[in-house]
N, C-alpha and C. Protein backbone atom coordinates (compact mmCIF):
# COMPACT_ATOMS: atom_id res chain seq x y z
N UNK A 1 -58.73 -5.49 28.80
CA UNK A 1 -58.23 -4.88 27.57
C UNK A 1 -57.72 -3.46 27.84
N UNK A 2 -58.52 -2.69 28.62
CA UNK A 2 -58.14 -1.33 28.94
C UNK A 2 -56.87 -1.29 29.78
N UNK A 3 -56.79 -2.25 30.70
CA UNK A 3 -55.60 -2.32 31.56
C UNK A 3 -54.35 -2.62 30.74
N UNK A 4 -54.50 -3.48 29.77
CA UNK A 4 -53.36 -3.83 28.92
C UNK A 4 -52.92 -2.62 28.10
N UNK A 5 -53.87 -1.85 27.60
CA UNK A 5 -53.54 -0.65 26.83
C UNK A 5 -52.82 0.38 27.70
N UNK A 6 -53.25 0.50 28.95
CA UNK A 6 -52.57 1.42 29.87
C UNK A 6 -51.14 0.97 30.14
N UNK A 7 -51.00 -0.36 30.30
CA UNK A 7 -49.66 -0.89 30.56
C UNK A 7 -48.72 -0.62 29.40
N UNK A 8 -49.20 -0.83 28.17
CA UNK A 8 -48.39 -0.58 26.99
C UNK A 8 -48.07 0.90 26.85
N UNK A 9 -49.03 1.75 27.19
CA UNK A 9 -48.81 3.19 27.11
C UNK A 9 -47.73 3.64 28.09
N UNK A 10 -47.67 2.97 29.24
CA UNK A 10 -46.65 3.30 30.23
C UNK A 10 -45.26 2.82 29.79
N UNK A 11 -45.22 1.72 29.04
CA UNK A 11 -43.95 1.13 28.61
C UNK A 11 -43.32 1.92 27.48
N UNK A 12 -44.14 2.46 26.59
CA UNK A 12 -43.62 3.13 25.39
C UNK A 12 -42.62 4.23 25.68
N UNK A 13 -42.87 5.14 26.64
CA UNK A 13 -41.87 6.19 26.91
C UNK A 13 -40.53 5.63 27.33
N UNK A 14 -40.57 4.56 28.13
CA UNK A 14 -39.32 3.94 28.56
C UNK A 14 -38.58 3.31 27.38
N UNK A 15 -39.33 2.70 26.46
CA UNK A 15 -38.73 2.12 25.26
C UNK A 15 -38.07 3.20 24.41
N UNK A 16 -38.75 4.34 24.30
CA UNK A 16 -38.20 5.44 23.52
C UNK A 16 -36.90 5.95 24.13
N UNK A 17 -36.90 6.13 25.46
CA UNK A 17 -35.68 6.57 26.15
C UNK A 17 -34.57 5.56 25.96
N UNK A 18 -34.91 4.29 26.05
CA UNK A 18 -33.92 3.23 25.91
C UNK A 18 -33.28 3.27 24.51
N UNK A 19 -34.11 3.50 23.50
CA UNK A 19 -33.59 3.55 22.13
C UNK A 19 -32.71 4.77 21.91
N UNK A 20 -33.08 5.90 22.51
CA UNK A 20 -32.25 7.10 22.40
C UNK A 20 -30.90 6.87 23.06
N UNK A 21 -30.91 6.25 24.23
CA UNK A 21 -29.65 5.95 24.93
C UNK A 21 -28.79 5.02 24.10
N UNK A 22 -29.43 4.00 23.51
CA UNK A 22 -28.68 3.06 22.68
C UNK A 22 -28.10 3.75 21.46
N UNK A 23 -28.85 4.64 20.84
CA UNK A 23 -28.35 5.36 19.67
C UNK A 23 -27.13 6.21 20.03
N UNK A 24 -27.19 6.86 21.20
CA UNK A 24 -26.06 7.66 21.65
C UNK A 24 -24.85 6.77 21.93
N UNK A 25 -25.11 5.61 22.50
CA UNK A 25 -24.02 4.66 22.78
C UNK A 25 -23.35 4.19 21.50
N UNK A 26 -24.18 3.87 20.50
CA UNK A 26 -23.63 3.42 19.22
C UNK A 26 -22.79 4.51 18.57
N UNK A 27 -23.29 5.75 18.60
CA UNK A 27 -22.56 6.87 18.02
C UNK A 27 -21.24 7.09 18.74
N UNK A 28 -21.27 7.02 20.08
CA UNK A 28 -20.04 7.17 20.86
C UNK A 28 -19.04 6.08 20.52
N UNK A 29 -19.54 4.85 20.39
CA UNK A 29 -18.65 3.72 20.08
C UNK A 29 -17.99 3.91 18.73
N UNK A 30 -18.76 4.39 17.74
CA UNK A 30 -18.20 4.61 16.41
C UNK A 30 -17.15 5.71 16.43
N UNK A 31 -17.41 6.79 17.15
CA UNK A 31 -16.47 7.91 17.20
C UNK A 31 -15.18 7.55 17.91
N UNK A 32 -15.29 6.73 18.95
CA UNK A 32 -14.11 6.39 19.75
C UNK A 32 -13.33 5.23 19.16
N UNK A 33 -14.05 4.19 18.75
CA UNK A 33 -13.38 2.96 18.32
C UNK A 33 -13.00 2.99 16.85
N UNK A 34 -13.84 3.59 16.00
CA UNK A 34 -13.61 3.54 14.55
C UNK A 34 -12.25 4.07 14.14
N UNK A 35 -11.77 5.22 14.67
CA UNK A 35 -10.45 5.69 14.25
C UNK A 35 -9.34 4.68 14.53
N UNK A 36 -9.49 3.94 15.63
CA UNK A 36 -8.47 2.95 15.96
C UNK A 36 -8.54 1.76 15.01
N UNK A 37 -9.79 1.35 14.66
CA UNK A 37 -9.95 0.20 13.79
C UNK A 37 -9.48 0.50 12.38
N UNK A 38 -9.81 1.69 11.87
CA UNK A 38 -9.47 2.05 10.49
C UNK A 38 -7.96 1.99 10.27
N UNK A 39 -7.19 2.39 11.30
CA UNK A 39 -5.75 2.44 11.15
C UNK A 39 -5.05 1.12 11.46
N UNK A 40 -5.81 0.08 11.84
CA UNK A 40 -5.21 -1.22 12.11
C UNK A 40 -4.72 -1.82 10.80
N UNK A 41 -3.49 -2.32 10.79
CA UNK A 41 -2.91 -2.88 9.58
C UNK A 41 -2.08 -4.11 9.90
N UNK A 42 -2.03 -5.02 8.95
CA UNK A 42 -1.09 -6.13 9.01
C UNK A 42 0.16 -5.69 8.28
N UNK A 43 1.32 -6.03 8.80
CA UNK A 43 2.58 -5.72 8.13
C UNK A 43 3.35 -7.01 7.91
N UNK A 44 3.50 -7.38 6.66
CA UNK A 44 4.26 -8.58 6.31
C UNK A 44 5.73 -8.17 6.32
N UNK A 45 6.44 -8.55 7.39
CA UNK A 45 7.81 -8.05 7.60
C UNK A 45 8.88 -9.14 7.58
N UNK A 46 8.47 -10.39 7.42
CA UNK A 46 9.41 -11.52 7.31
C UNK A 46 10.25 -11.73 8.57
N UNK A 47 9.84 -11.13 9.68
CA UNK A 47 10.64 -11.26 10.91
C UNK A 47 10.67 -12.70 11.43
N UNK A 48 9.62 -13.46 11.14
CA UNK A 48 9.57 -14.85 11.60
C UNK A 48 9.94 -15.84 10.51
N UNK A 49 10.36 -15.36 9.35
CA UNK A 49 10.68 -16.24 8.22
C UNK A 49 12.00 -16.97 8.44
N UNK A 50 12.07 -18.20 7.97
CA UNK A 50 13.30 -18.97 7.99
C UNK A 50 14.10 -18.64 6.73
N UNK A 51 15.41 -18.48 6.87
CA UNK A 51 16.26 -18.18 5.71
C UNK A 51 16.29 -19.40 4.79
N UNK A 52 15.63 -19.32 3.66
CA UNK A 52 15.58 -20.44 2.73
C UNK A 52 14.99 -20.01 1.40
N UNK A 53 15.14 -20.87 0.40
CA UNK A 53 14.49 -20.67 -0.90
C UNK A 53 13.20 -21.48 -0.90
N UNK A 54 12.13 -20.89 -1.42
CA UNK A 54 10.84 -21.54 -1.40
C UNK A 54 9.98 -21.04 -2.56
N UNK A 55 8.87 -21.70 -2.77
CA UNK A 55 7.94 -21.31 -3.82
C UNK A 55 6.78 -20.50 -3.26
N UNK A 56 6.45 -20.75 -1.99
CA UNK A 56 5.31 -20.11 -1.36
C UNK A 56 5.65 -19.75 0.08
N UNK A 57 5.17 -18.59 0.53
CA UNK A 57 5.43 -18.12 1.89
C UNK A 57 4.17 -17.53 2.48
N UNK A 58 3.82 -17.91 3.73
CA UNK A 58 2.62 -17.42 4.40
C UNK A 58 2.99 -16.58 5.62
N UNK A 59 2.27 -15.47 5.81
CA UNK A 59 2.43 -14.65 7.01
C UNK A 59 1.18 -13.81 7.23
N UNK A 60 0.70 -13.81 8.47
CA UNK A 60 -0.42 -12.96 8.87
C UNK A 60 -1.64 -13.09 7.96
N UNK A 61 -1.93 -14.31 7.53
CA UNK A 61 -3.12 -14.54 6.73
C UNK A 61 -2.96 -14.24 5.25
N UNK A 62 -1.72 -13.99 4.81
CA UNK A 62 -1.46 -13.70 3.39
C UNK A 62 -0.43 -14.68 2.84
N UNK A 63 -0.48 -14.85 1.53
CA UNK A 63 0.42 -15.78 0.85
C UNK A 63 1.18 -15.08 -0.26
N UNK A 64 2.47 -15.36 -0.33
CA UNK A 64 3.32 -14.89 -1.42
C UNK A 64 3.78 -16.10 -2.21
N UNK A 65 3.62 -16.04 -3.53
CA UNK A 65 4.08 -17.13 -4.39
C UNK A 65 4.89 -16.55 -5.55
N UNK A 66 5.77 -17.37 -6.10
CA UNK A 66 6.56 -16.97 -7.27
C UNK A 66 6.27 -17.92 -8.41
N UNK A 67 6.52 -17.46 -9.63
CA UNK A 67 6.15 -18.24 -10.81
C UNK A 67 7.15 -19.34 -11.16
N UNK A 68 8.30 -19.36 -10.49
CA UNK A 68 9.30 -20.42 -10.70
C UNK A 68 9.59 -21.07 -9.35
N UNK A 69 9.57 -22.38 -9.31
CA UNK A 69 9.75 -23.11 -8.05
C UNK A 69 11.04 -22.71 -7.33
N UNK A 70 10.91 -22.48 -6.01
CA UNK A 70 12.04 -22.19 -5.12
C UNK A 70 12.78 -20.91 -5.46
N UNK A 71 12.14 -19.97 -6.11
CA UNK A 71 12.80 -18.71 -6.47
C UNK A 71 12.46 -17.57 -5.51
N UNK A 72 11.72 -17.88 -4.44
CA UNK A 72 11.45 -16.87 -3.42
C UNK A 72 12.41 -17.11 -2.25
N UNK A 73 13.33 -16.19 -2.06
CA UNK A 73 14.30 -16.34 -0.97
C UNK A 73 13.96 -15.38 0.16
N UNK A 74 13.80 -15.92 1.37
CA UNK A 74 13.64 -15.10 2.56
C UNK A 74 14.95 -15.15 3.35
N UNK A 75 15.29 -14.04 3.99
CA UNK A 75 16.58 -14.00 4.69
C UNK A 75 16.52 -13.07 5.90
N UNK A 76 17.46 -13.26 6.81
CA UNK A 76 17.53 -12.47 8.04
C UNK A 76 18.46 -11.29 7.91
N UNK A 77 18.70 -10.64 9.05
CA UNK A 77 19.50 -9.41 9.05
C UNK A 77 20.96 -9.63 8.68
N UNK A 78 21.44 -10.86 8.81
CA UNK A 78 22.84 -11.12 8.48
C UNK A 78 23.12 -11.26 7.00
N UNK A 79 22.07 -11.32 6.19
CA UNK A 79 22.24 -11.46 4.74
C UNK A 79 22.72 -10.14 4.14
N UNK A 80 23.60 -10.19 3.13
CA UNK A 80 24.11 -8.94 2.53
C UNK A 80 23.03 -8.07 1.88
N UNK A 81 21.86 -8.65 1.54
CA UNK A 81 20.79 -7.86 0.94
C UNK A 81 19.84 -7.26 1.98
N UNK A 82 20.05 -7.57 3.26
CA UNK A 82 19.06 -7.25 4.28
C UNK A 82 18.98 -5.77 4.63
N UNK A 83 20.11 -5.06 4.60
CA UNK A 83 20.14 -3.65 5.02
C UNK A 83 19.57 -3.49 6.43
N UNK A 84 19.89 -4.46 7.30
CA UNK A 84 19.47 -4.39 8.69
C UNK A 84 18.07 -4.89 8.98
N UNK A 85 17.37 -5.44 7.99
CA UNK A 85 16.00 -5.90 8.20
C UNK A 85 15.76 -7.19 7.44
N UNK A 86 15.09 -8.18 8.06
CA UNK A 86 14.71 -9.39 7.32
C UNK A 86 13.86 -9.00 6.11
N UNK A 87 14.01 -9.70 5.02
CA UNK A 87 13.27 -9.34 3.80
C UNK A 87 13.20 -10.56 2.89
N UNK A 88 12.79 -10.32 1.64
CA UNK A 88 12.69 -11.41 0.66
C UNK A 88 12.95 -10.85 -0.73
N UNK A 89 13.27 -11.76 -1.65
CA UNK A 89 13.36 -11.34 -3.05
C UNK A 89 13.19 -12.53 -3.97
N UNK A 90 12.78 -12.24 -5.19
CA UNK A 90 12.58 -13.25 -6.22
C UNK A 90 13.90 -13.38 -6.97
N UNK A 91 14.52 -14.54 -6.87
CA UNK A 91 15.87 -14.69 -7.42
C UNK A 91 15.88 -14.90 -8.93
N UNK A 92 14.71 -15.04 -9.54
CA UNK A 92 14.66 -15.27 -10.98
C UNK A 92 14.63 -13.98 -11.76
N UNK A 93 15.41 -13.91 -12.83
CA UNK A 93 15.38 -12.74 -13.70
C UNK A 93 14.00 -12.57 -14.31
N UNK A 94 13.42 -11.36 -14.16
CA UNK A 94 12.06 -11.08 -14.63
C UNK A 94 11.02 -12.03 -14.05
N UNK A 95 11.30 -12.56 -12.86
CA UNK A 95 10.35 -13.42 -12.18
C UNK A 95 9.16 -12.63 -11.66
N UNK A 96 8.06 -13.32 -11.40
CA UNK A 96 6.84 -12.69 -10.91
C UNK A 96 6.55 -13.15 -9.49
N UNK A 97 6.16 -12.20 -8.64
CA UNK A 97 5.75 -12.49 -7.26
C UNK A 97 4.30 -12.06 -7.10
N UNK A 98 3.47 -12.90 -6.46
CA UNK A 98 2.05 -12.61 -6.31
C UNK A 98 1.64 -12.69 -4.85
N UNK A 99 0.89 -11.67 -4.42
CA UNK A 99 0.35 -11.61 -3.06
C UNK A 99 -1.15 -11.86 -3.11
N UNK A 100 -1.64 -12.79 -2.28
CA UNK A 100 -3.07 -13.06 -2.15
C UNK A 100 -3.40 -13.28 -0.68
N UNK A 101 -4.69 -13.26 -0.40
CA UNK A 101 -5.17 -13.52 0.95
C UNK A 101 -5.48 -15.00 1.08
N UNK A 102 -4.96 -15.63 2.12
CA UNK A 102 -5.19 -17.05 2.32
C UNK A 102 -6.68 -17.30 2.53
N UNK A 103 -7.23 -18.23 1.77
CA UNK A 103 -8.66 -18.52 1.87
C UNK A 103 -9.53 -17.62 1.02
N UNK A 104 -8.90 -16.72 0.27
CA UNK A 104 -9.66 -15.80 -0.58
C UNK A 104 -10.08 -14.55 0.17
N UNK A 105 -10.84 -13.72 -0.48
CA UNK A 105 -11.28 -12.47 0.13
C UNK A 105 -10.51 -11.28 -0.41
N UNK A 106 -11.06 -10.09 -0.20
CA UNK A 106 -10.45 -8.88 -0.73
C UNK A 106 -9.53 -8.24 0.30
N UNK A 107 -8.63 -7.40 -0.18
CA UNK A 107 -7.70 -6.70 0.70
C UNK A 107 -7.21 -5.44 0.02
N UNK A 108 -6.47 -4.65 0.77
CA UNK A 108 -5.88 -3.41 0.25
C UNK A 108 -4.38 -3.46 0.48
N UNK A 109 -3.60 -2.98 -0.48
CA UNK A 109 -2.15 -2.85 -0.31
C UNK A 109 -1.83 -1.38 -0.22
N UNK A 110 -1.32 -0.96 0.94
CA UNK A 110 -1.07 0.45 1.18
C UNK A 110 0.33 0.87 0.78
N UNK A 111 1.36 0.05 1.11
CA UNK A 111 2.74 0.41 0.79
C UNK A 111 3.64 -0.81 0.85
N UNK A 112 4.86 -0.64 0.34
CA UNK A 112 5.87 -1.70 0.35
C UNK A 112 7.24 -1.05 0.41
N UNK A 113 8.19 -1.71 1.06
CA UNK A 113 9.57 -1.25 1.10
C UNK A 113 10.38 -2.01 0.06
N UNK A 114 11.17 -1.27 -0.74
CA UNK A 114 12.00 -1.89 -1.78
C UNK A 114 13.43 -1.39 -1.66
N UNK A 115 14.37 -2.25 -2.04
CA UNK A 115 15.79 -1.86 -2.07
C UNK A 115 16.52 -2.72 -3.08
N UNK A 116 17.36 -2.08 -3.90
CA UNK A 116 18.14 -2.88 -4.83
C UNK A 116 19.19 -3.65 -4.05
N UNK A 117 19.52 -4.83 -4.55
CA UNK A 117 20.47 -5.69 -3.86
C UNK A 117 21.91 -5.24 -4.13
N UNK A 118 22.79 -5.64 -3.23
CA UNK A 118 24.18 -5.17 -3.30
C UNK A 118 24.87 -5.58 -4.58
N UNK A 119 24.42 -6.69 -5.18
CA UNK A 119 25.06 -7.13 -6.42
C UNK A 119 24.58 -6.33 -7.62
N UNK A 120 23.70 -5.34 -7.40
CA UNK A 120 23.14 -4.58 -8.51
C UNK A 120 23.43 -3.09 -8.41
N UNK A 121 24.34 -2.70 -7.52
CA UNK A 121 24.54 -1.28 -7.26
C UNK A 121 25.10 -0.53 -8.47
N UNK A 122 25.76 -1.22 -9.36
CA UNK A 122 26.35 -0.54 -10.51
C UNK A 122 25.37 -0.40 -11.68
N UNK A 123 24.18 -0.96 -11.52
CA UNK A 123 23.19 -0.93 -12.60
C UNK A 123 22.25 0.24 -12.43
N UNK A 124 21.45 0.51 -13.45
CA UNK A 124 20.48 1.61 -13.38
C UNK A 124 19.39 1.29 -12.36
N UNK A 125 18.64 2.31 -11.92
CA UNK A 125 17.59 2.11 -10.94
C UNK A 125 16.56 1.08 -11.41
N UNK A 126 16.06 0.31 -10.49
CA UNK A 126 15.11 -0.74 -10.82
C UNK A 126 13.73 -0.14 -11.10
N UNK A 127 13.07 -0.59 -12.13
CA UNK A 127 11.68 -0.23 -12.41
C UNK A 127 10.82 -1.44 -12.07
N UNK A 128 9.94 -1.28 -11.11
CA UNK A 128 9.11 -2.39 -10.64
C UNK A 128 7.64 -2.05 -10.91
N UNK A 129 6.98 -2.91 -11.68
CA UNK A 129 5.58 -2.68 -12.05
C UNK A 129 4.67 -3.58 -11.22
N UNK A 130 3.70 -2.96 -10.54
CA UNK A 130 2.73 -3.68 -9.72
C UNK A 130 1.37 -3.67 -10.42
N UNK A 131 0.73 -4.84 -10.48
CA UNK A 131 -0.58 -4.97 -11.08
C UNK A 131 -1.53 -5.61 -10.07
N UNK A 132 -2.57 -4.87 -9.71
CA UNK A 132 -3.57 -5.40 -8.78
C UNK A 132 -4.83 -5.81 -9.51
N UNK A 133 -5.34 -6.98 -9.16
CA UNK A 133 -6.61 -7.45 -9.73
C UNK A 133 -7.69 -7.29 -8.67
N UNK A 134 -8.77 -6.59 -9.05
CA UNK A 134 -9.85 -6.31 -8.11
C UNK A 134 -10.93 -7.40 -8.14
N UNK A 135 -11.84 -7.33 -7.19
CA UNK A 135 -12.89 -8.35 -7.09
C UNK A 135 -13.81 -8.35 -8.30
N UNK A 136 -13.91 -7.21 -9.01
CA UNK A 136 -14.74 -7.16 -10.21
C UNK A 136 -13.95 -7.50 -11.47
N UNK A 137 -12.73 -8.04 -11.29
CA UNK A 137 -11.79 -8.48 -12.34
C UNK A 137 -11.09 -7.32 -13.05
N UNK A 138 -11.41 -6.08 -12.72
CA UNK A 138 -10.66 -4.96 -13.30
C UNK A 138 -9.27 -4.91 -12.67
N UNK A 139 -8.35 -4.17 -13.29
CA UNK A 139 -6.98 -4.10 -12.79
C UNK A 139 -6.55 -2.66 -12.55
N UNK A 140 -5.59 -2.52 -11.65
CA UNK A 140 -4.97 -1.23 -11.38
C UNK A 140 -3.46 -1.43 -11.41
N UNK A 141 -2.73 -0.50 -11.99
CA UNK A 141 -1.28 -0.65 -12.14
C UNK A 141 -0.53 0.57 -11.62
N UNK A 142 0.63 0.32 -11.09
CA UNK A 142 1.49 1.40 -10.61
C UNK A 142 2.94 0.96 -10.71
N UNK A 143 3.81 1.89 -11.11
CA UNK A 143 5.23 1.60 -11.28
C UNK A 143 6.06 2.39 -10.28
N UNK A 144 7.01 1.72 -9.65
CA UNK A 144 7.92 2.37 -8.72
C UNK A 144 9.35 2.20 -9.22
N UNK A 145 10.14 3.24 -9.06
CA UNK A 145 11.55 3.20 -9.47
C UNK A 145 12.43 3.29 -8.23
N UNK A 146 13.24 2.27 -8.01
CA UNK A 146 14.11 2.22 -6.83
C UNK A 146 15.34 3.09 -7.08
N UNK A 147 15.70 3.90 -6.10
CA UNK A 147 16.86 4.78 -6.22
C UNK A 147 18.14 3.96 -6.41
N UNK A 148 18.91 4.34 -7.40
CA UNK A 148 20.15 3.61 -7.72
C UNK A 148 21.22 3.88 -6.66
N UNK A 149 21.83 2.80 -6.14
CA UNK A 149 22.96 2.93 -5.23
C UNK A 149 22.63 3.41 -3.83
N UNK A 150 21.35 3.35 -3.42
CA UNK A 150 20.98 3.86 -2.10
C UNK A 150 21.42 2.94 -0.97
N UNK A 151 21.42 1.63 -1.19
CA UNK A 151 21.81 0.64 -0.18
C UNK A 151 20.94 0.73 1.07
N UNK A 152 19.65 0.99 0.89
CA UNK A 152 18.71 1.06 2.01
C UNK A 152 17.30 0.88 1.45
N UNK A 153 16.38 0.49 2.32
CA UNK A 153 15.00 0.32 1.89
C UNK A 153 14.29 1.65 1.76
N UNK A 154 13.49 1.78 0.70
CA UNK A 154 12.63 2.94 0.50
C UNK A 154 11.17 2.48 0.60
N UNK A 155 10.31 3.34 1.12
CA UNK A 155 8.88 3.03 1.22
C UNK A 155 8.14 3.63 0.04
N UNK A 156 7.39 2.80 -0.67
CA UNK A 156 6.60 3.24 -1.82
C UNK A 156 5.13 3.02 -1.52
N UNK A 157 4.31 4.05 -1.71
CA UNK A 157 2.89 3.98 -1.42
C UNK A 157 2.08 3.68 -2.69
N UNK A 158 0.89 3.11 -2.48
CA UNK A 158 0.00 2.76 -3.59
C UNK A 158 -1.26 3.61 -3.55
N UNK A 159 -1.79 3.88 -4.73
CA UNK A 159 -3.04 4.61 -4.86
C UNK A 159 -4.04 3.75 -5.63
N UNK A 160 -5.20 3.54 -5.04
CA UNK A 160 -6.24 2.77 -5.73
C UNK A 160 -6.09 1.27 -5.61
N UNK A 161 -5.13 0.79 -4.82
CA UNK A 161 -4.94 -0.66 -4.65
C UNK A 161 -5.85 -1.15 -3.52
N UNK A 162 -7.15 -1.05 -3.76
CA UNK A 162 -8.17 -1.46 -2.79
C UNK A 162 -9.08 -2.51 -3.42
N UNK A 163 -9.80 -3.24 -2.55
CA UNK A 163 -10.74 -4.26 -3.02
C UNK A 163 -10.05 -5.25 -3.96
N UNK A 164 -8.87 -5.68 -3.56
CA UNK A 164 -8.03 -6.55 -4.40
C UNK A 164 -8.23 -8.03 -4.08
N UNK A 165 -8.04 -8.85 -5.09
CA UNK A 165 -7.94 -10.30 -4.87
C UNK A 165 -6.49 -10.77 -5.00
N UNK A 166 -5.66 -9.97 -5.70
CA UNK A 166 -4.24 -10.31 -5.83
C UNK A 166 -3.44 -9.10 -6.31
N UNK A 167 -2.14 -9.13 -6.02
CA UNK A 167 -1.21 -8.14 -6.55
C UNK A 167 0.02 -8.89 -7.05
N UNK A 168 0.43 -8.60 -8.29
CA UNK A 168 1.59 -9.26 -8.88
C UNK A 168 2.61 -8.20 -9.30
N UNK A 169 3.89 -8.47 -9.05
CA UNK A 169 4.93 -7.55 -9.49
C UNK A 169 6.12 -8.31 -10.05
N UNK A 170 6.84 -7.64 -10.95
CA UNK A 170 7.96 -8.27 -11.64
C UNK A 170 9.25 -8.10 -10.84
N UNK A 171 10.18 -9.01 -11.04
CA UNK A 171 11.47 -8.88 -10.37
C UNK A 171 12.18 -7.62 -10.84
N UNK A 172 12.23 -7.40 -12.12
CA UNK A 172 12.79 -6.16 -12.65
C UNK A 172 12.64 -6.14 -14.16
N UNK A 173 12.29 -4.98 -14.69
CA UNK A 173 12.18 -4.86 -16.14
C UNK A 173 13.42 -4.19 -16.73
N UNK A 174 14.37 -3.83 -15.85
CA UNK A 174 15.57 -3.15 -16.34
C UNK A 174 16.85 -3.86 -15.92
N UNK A 175 16.72 -5.13 -15.49
CA UNK A 175 17.91 -5.88 -15.07
C UNK A 175 18.22 -5.68 -13.61
N UNK A 176 19.05 -6.57 -13.05
CA UNK A 176 19.41 -6.47 -11.64
C UNK A 176 18.32 -7.04 -10.75
N UNK A 177 18.56 -7.05 -9.45
CA UNK A 177 17.61 -7.62 -8.51
C UNK A 177 17.36 -6.66 -7.35
N UNK A 178 16.26 -6.86 -6.64
CA UNK A 178 15.91 -6.02 -5.51
C UNK A 178 15.21 -6.87 -4.46
N UNK A 179 15.16 -6.38 -3.25
CA UNK A 179 14.47 -7.05 -2.15
C UNK A 179 13.24 -6.25 -1.77
N UNK A 180 12.27 -6.92 -1.14
CA UNK A 180 11.06 -6.23 -0.67
C UNK A 180 10.77 -6.61 0.77
N UNK A 181 10.12 -5.70 1.48
CA UNK A 181 9.87 -5.87 2.91
C UNK A 181 8.69 -4.99 3.32
N UNK A 182 8.14 -5.25 4.49
CA UNK A 182 7.11 -4.41 5.11
C UNK A 182 5.95 -4.08 4.17
N UNK A 183 5.26 -5.10 3.73
CA UNK A 183 4.05 -4.91 2.94
C UNK A 183 2.92 -4.54 3.91
N UNK A 184 2.40 -3.33 3.80
CA UNK A 184 1.38 -2.85 4.73
C UNK A 184 0.00 -3.12 4.13
N UNK A 185 -0.77 -3.95 4.85
CA UNK A 185 -2.08 -4.37 4.37
C UNK A 185 -3.14 -4.01 5.41
N UNK A 186 -3.86 -2.88 5.23
CA UNK A 186 -4.92 -2.51 6.17
C UNK A 186 -6.00 -3.58 6.25
N UNK A 187 -6.78 -3.54 7.33
CA UNK A 187 -7.81 -4.55 7.55
C UNK A 187 -9.20 -3.91 7.56
N UNK A 188 -9.75 -3.58 6.38
CA UNK A 188 -11.08 -2.97 6.34
C UNK A 188 -12.17 -3.89 6.86
N UNK A 189 -11.94 -5.22 6.78
CA UNK A 189 -12.96 -6.17 7.23
C UNK A 189 -13.22 -6.04 8.72
N UNK A 190 -12.21 -5.58 9.48
CA UNK A 190 -12.38 -5.42 10.92
C UNK A 190 -13.46 -4.38 11.22
N UNK A 191 -13.44 -3.28 10.47
CA UNK A 191 -14.44 -2.24 10.66
C UNK A 191 -15.83 -2.75 10.32
N UNK A 192 -15.92 -3.51 9.24
CA UNK A 192 -17.22 -4.05 8.83
C UNK A 192 -17.78 -4.98 9.91
N UNK A 193 -16.92 -5.83 10.46
CA UNK A 193 -17.36 -6.75 11.51
C UNK A 193 -17.82 -5.98 12.74
N UNK A 194 -17.12 -4.89 13.06
CA UNK A 194 -17.48 -4.07 14.21
C UNK A 194 -18.86 -3.45 14.00
N UNK A 195 -19.11 -2.94 12.80
CA UNK A 195 -20.39 -2.34 12.49
C UNK A 195 -21.53 -3.35 12.57
N UNK A 196 -21.29 -4.55 12.08
CA UNK A 196 -22.31 -5.61 12.14
C UNK A 196 -22.63 -5.96 13.59
N UNK A 197 -21.59 -6.04 14.41
CA UNK A 197 -21.78 -6.37 15.83
C UNK A 197 -22.63 -5.32 16.53
N UNK A 198 -22.38 -4.04 16.24
CA UNK A 198 -23.16 -2.97 16.85
C UNK A 198 -24.62 -3.03 16.38
N UNK A 199 -24.81 -3.34 15.10
CA UNK A 199 -26.17 -3.42 14.56
C UNK A 199 -26.95 -4.55 15.23
N UNK A 200 -26.29 -5.67 15.44
CA UNK A 200 -26.93 -6.82 16.11
C UNK A 200 -27.31 -6.46 17.53
N UNK A 201 -26.40 -5.75 18.23
CA UNK A 201 -26.70 -5.32 19.60
C UNK A 201 -27.92 -4.42 19.62
N UNK A 202 -27.98 -3.47 18.69
CA UNK A 202 -29.12 -2.55 18.65
C UNK A 202 -30.42 -3.28 18.37
N UNK A 203 -30.37 -4.28 17.49
CA UNK A 203 -31.57 -5.04 17.14
C UNK A 203 -32.10 -5.83 18.33
N UNK A 204 -31.16 -6.40 19.09
CA UNK A 204 -31.55 -7.18 20.25
C UNK A 204 -32.18 -6.34 21.34
N UNK A 205 -31.83 -5.04 21.37
CA UNK A 205 -32.36 -4.18 22.42
C UNK A 205 -33.77 -3.67 22.11
N UNK A 206 -34.24 -3.90 20.88
CA UNK A 206 -35.58 -3.40 20.52
C UNK A 206 -36.68 -4.19 21.22
């Protein structure tokens, strides 16, 4: 019994040192890796999209749907609405486009590129209203106005569009049509998974 107590007493200091080293390792990992993970984002850019009319479009784990069948048009750089970049638009007047995560789950929408189409240059600037539905069923709304006659994509940022289950926006509330591109969707789940992995490692070392 006494020998066993001595053995345990000898082990404890080493266990303490081991835990201190592990804590320092975890802190170092968070400081070095976390900034890289936080800034990781998916960008829905339609670069791999086929030029066609469709009702639903999938890219990078996200789905875009429109409220009228085959009213979502994706196109390449040769299209007159492209402005040098593949993009998409809802061809229906006052049509609705909805973004969700395939398989469910929450996400954040950081920004989107918008441009009025060439057939609408003589009309007033487009007013586009975005409505995000959160996991607690509350909503957040933001309106962007596309510059009239710019003939190029503009980047519009969102505030508070986090913890979302969906985002819906109208084709236009003031007439005319516009295209959208480069939907930036950060990946907060990556950071959470990283933290869980580190916690499991620490637990196993005890």
